[in-house]
Amino acid sequence: MTDFERKLYQIFVNMQLYGKNPTLDDLKRKTGKSEEDIRAAVKSLMMKGELKWDKIKQVWTL
């Protein structure tokens, strides 16, 4: 995992503790990165099996 992927993963973990689902705007604000960078890192995390999107519940699962 890259540093940026680790940072994103930690944001997902922390927000999930409070029962929240991070939006793209949340991630942009918390990381200071562009939408393209965030999408690429999230895609990479999904390919590695670290992050999954539950289509039924509409939430990220770790």
N, C-alpha and C. Protein backbone atom coordinates (compact mmCIF):
# COMPACT_ATOMS: atom_id res chain seq x y z
N MET A 1 0.84 -1.19 0.00
CA MET A 1 0.00 0.00 0.00
C MET A 1 0.89 1.25 0.00
N THR A 2 0.50 2.22 -0.80
CA THR A 2 1.24 3.47 -0.80
C THR A 2 0.82 4.31 0.40
N ASP A 3 1.56 5.37 0.67
CA ASP A 3 1.20 6.25 1.79
C ASP A 3 -0.19 6.84 1.60
N PHE A 4 -0.50 7.25 0.36
CA PHE A 4 -1.80 7.84 0.10
C PHE A 4 -2.93 6.82 0.27
N GLU A 5 -2.69 5.59 -0.18
CA GLU A 5 -3.69 4.53 0.00
C GLU A 5 -3.91 4.25 1.49
N ARG A 6 -2.83 4.24 2.26
CA ARG A 6 -2.94 4.04 3.71
C ARG A 6 -3.75 5.16 4.36
N LYS A 7 -3.51 6.39 3.92
CA LYS A 7 -4.23 7.55 4.46
C LYS A 7 -5.72 7.42 4.14
N LEU A 8 -6.04 7.09 2.90
CA LEU A 8 -7.45 6.92 2.52
C LEU A 8 -8.10 5.80 3.33
N TYR A 9 -7.40 4.67 3.45
CA TYR A 9 -7.92 3.54 4.20
C TYR A 9 -8.22 3.94 5.64
N GLN A 10 -7.31 4.70 6.24
CA GLN A 10 -7.51 5.14 7.62
C GLN A 10 -8.72 6.07 7.74
N ILE A 11 -8.93 6.91 6.73
CA ILE A 11 -10.12 7.79 6.72
C ILE A 11 -11.39 6.93 6.69
N PHE A 12 -11.40 5.90 5.84
CA PHE A 12 -12.56 5.01 5.78
C PHE A 12 -12.79 4.33 7.14
N VAL A 13 -11.72 3.85 7.77
CA VAL A 13 -11.83 3.19 9.07
C VAL A 13 -12.40 4.16 10.11
N ASN A 14 -11.82 5.35 10.19
CA ASN A 14 -12.26 6.32 11.19
C ASN A 14 -13.71 6.75 10.99
N MET A 15 -14.10 6.98 9.75
CA MET A 15 -15.48 7.41 9.50
C MET A 15 -16.46 6.28 9.75
N GLN A 16 -16.04 5.05 9.49
CA GLN A 16 -16.91 3.91 9.73
C GLN A 16 -17.17 3.72 11.23
N LEU A 17 -16.19 4.08 12.05
CA LEU A 17 -16.38 3.99 13.50
C LEU A 17 -17.53 4.87 13.98
N TYR A 18 -17.77 5.96 13.26
CA TYR A 18 -18.85 6.87 13.61
C TYR A 18 -20.10 6.63 12.78
N GLY A 19 -20.14 5.52 12.05
CA GLY A 19 -21.31 5.16 11.27
C GLY A 19 -21.53 6.02 10.04
N LYS A 20 -20.45 6.62 9.53
CA LYS A 20 -20.57 7.48 8.36
C LYS A 20 -19.91 6.83 7.16
N ASN A 21 -20.39 7.22 6.00
CA ASN A 21 -19.85 6.75 4.74
C ASN A 21 -19.20 7.95 4.06
N PRO A 22 -17.87 7.97 3.89
CA PRO A 22 -17.22 9.15 3.32
C PRO A 22 -17.64 9.42 1.88
N THR A 23 -17.92 10.67 1.58
CA THR A 23 -18.25 11.07 0.21
C THR A 23 -16.96 11.51 -0.48
N LEU A 24 -17.06 11.71 -1.77
CA LEU A 24 -15.90 12.18 -2.52
C LEU A 24 -15.46 13.55 -2.01
N ASP A 25 -16.42 14.41 -1.69
CA ASP A 25 -16.08 15.73 -1.14
C ASP A 25 -15.36 15.62 0.20
N ASP A 26 -15.80 14.68 1.05
CA ASP A 26 -15.11 14.44 2.33
C ASP A 26 -13.66 14.05 2.08
N LEU A 27 -13.46 13.13 1.15
CA LEU A 27 -12.11 12.64 0.87
C LEU A 27 -11.24 13.74 0.26
N LYS A 28 -11.82 14.56 -0.61
CA LYS A 28 -11.05 15.67 -1.19
C LYS A 28 -10.63 16.66 -0.11
N ARG A 29 -11.53 16.95 0.80
CA ARG A 29 -11.23 17.91 1.88
C ARG A 29 -10.18 17.35 2.84
N LYS A 30 -10.31 16.08 3.20
CA LYS A 30 -9.41 15.49 4.19
C LYS A 30 -8.02 15.18 3.63
N THR A 31 -7.92 14.93 2.32
CA THR A 31 -6.63 14.57 1.74
C THR A 31 -5.97 15.72 0.99
N GLY A 32 -6.77 16.64 0.47
CA GLY A 32 -6.22 17.72 -0.33
C GLY A 32 -5.83 17.28 -1.74
N LYS A 33 -6.29 16.11 -2.13
CA LYS A 33 -5.95 15.55 -3.45
C LYS A 33 -7.10 15.75 -4.43
N SER A 34 -6.81 15.56 -5.70
CA SER A 34 -7.82 15.71 -6.75
C SER A 34 -8.72 14.47 -6.81
N GLU A 35 -9.84 14.64 -7.48
CA GLU A 35 -10.79 13.54 -7.66
C GLU A 35 -10.14 12.36 -8.38
N GLU A 36 -9.32 12.65 -9.38
CA GLU A 36 -8.67 11.58 -10.15
C GLU A 36 -7.72 10.77 -9.28
N ASP A 37 -6.95 11.47 -8.41
CA ASP A 37 -6.02 10.77 -7.52
C ASP A 37 -6.78 9.88 -6.53
N ILE A 38 -7.87 10.40 -6.01
CA ILE A 38 -8.67 9.64 -5.03
C ILE A 38 -9.29 8.42 -5.70
N ARG A 39 -9.87 8.62 -6.88
CA ARG A 39 -10.49 7.49 -7.59
C ARG A 39 -9.47 6.40 -7.92
N ALA A 40 -8.28 6.80 -8.32
CA ALA A 40 -7.23 5.82 -8.64
C ALA A 40 -6.82 5.04 -7.39
N ALA A 41 -6.67 5.72 -6.27
CA ALA A 41 -6.26 5.05 -5.03
C ALA A 41 -7.37 4.13 -4.52
N VAL A 42 -8.62 4.56 -4.60
CA VAL A 42 -9.74 3.72 -4.17
C VAL A 42 -9.84 2.49 -5.07
N LYS A 43 -9.67 2.68 -6.35
CA LYS A 43 -9.69 1.55 -7.29
C LYS A 43 -8.58 0.56 -6.95
N SER A 44 -7.40 1.08 -6.63
CA SER A 44 -6.28 0.22 -6.26
C SER A 44 -6.59 -0.56 -4.98
N LEU A 45 -7.19 0.10 -3.99
CA LEU A 45 -7.57 -0.58 -2.74
C LEU A 45 -8.60 -1.67 -3.01
N MET A 46 -9.52 -1.38 -3.93
CA MET A 46 -10.54 -2.38 -4.26
C MET A 46 -9.91 -3.58 -4.98
N MET A 47 -8.95 -3.32 -5.86
CA MET A 47 -8.29 -4.40 -6.58
C MET A 47 -7.48 -5.29 -5.63
N LYS A 48 -6.94 -4.68 -4.57
CA LYS A 48 -6.16 -5.43 -3.58
C LYS A 48 -7.04 -6.14 -2.57
N GLY A 49 -8.36 -5.88 -2.60
CA GLY A 49 -9.29 -6.53 -1.69
C GLY A 49 -9.38 -5.87 -0.32
N GLU A 50 -8.80 -4.69 -0.18
CA GLU A 50 -8.82 -3.98 1.10
C GLU A 50 -10.13 -3.24 1.33
N LEU A 51 -10.83 -2.91 0.25
CA LEU A 51 -12.02 -2.08 0.31
C LEU A 51 -13.05 -2.63 -0.66
N LYS A 52 -14.31 -2.68 -0.23
CA LYS A 52 -15.38 -3.17 -1.09
C LYS A 52 -16.60 -2.27 -0.95
N TRP A 53 -17.37 -2.16 -2.03
CA TRP A 53 -18.59 -1.37 -2.03
C TRP A 53 -19.77 -2.33 -1.98
N ASP A 54 -20.61 -2.19 -0.95
CA ASP A 54 -21.81 -3.02 -0.81
C ASP A 54 -22.94 -2.31 -1.54
N LYS A 55 -23.33 -2.84 -2.71
CA LYS A 55 -24.34 -2.20 -3.53
C LYS A 55 -25.71 -2.18 -2.87
N ILE A 56 -26.01 -3.20 -2.10
CA ILE A 56 -27.32 -3.29 -1.46
C ILE A 56 -27.45 -2.27 -0.33
N LYS A 57 -26.46 -2.23 0.56
CA LYS A 57 -26.51 -1.32 1.71
C LYS A 57 -26.00 0.08 1.38
N GLN A 58 -25.34 0.22 0.23
CA GLN A 58 -24.77 1.50 -0.20
C GLN A 58 -23.72 2.02 0.81
N VAL A 59 -22.83 1.12 1.26
CA VAL A 59 -21.76 1.49 2.20
C VAL A 59 -20.47 0.81 1.79
N TRP A 60 -19.35 1.39 2.23
CA TRP A 60 -18.03 0.77 2.04
C TRP A 60 -17.81 -0.24 3.14
N THR A 61 -17.24 -1.39 2.79
CA THR A 61 -16.87 -2.39 3.79
C THR A 61 -15.37 -2.62 3.73
N LEU A 62 -14.81 -2.90 4.87
CA LEU A 62 -13.36 -3.10 4.96
C LEU A 62 -13.03 -4.56 5.12
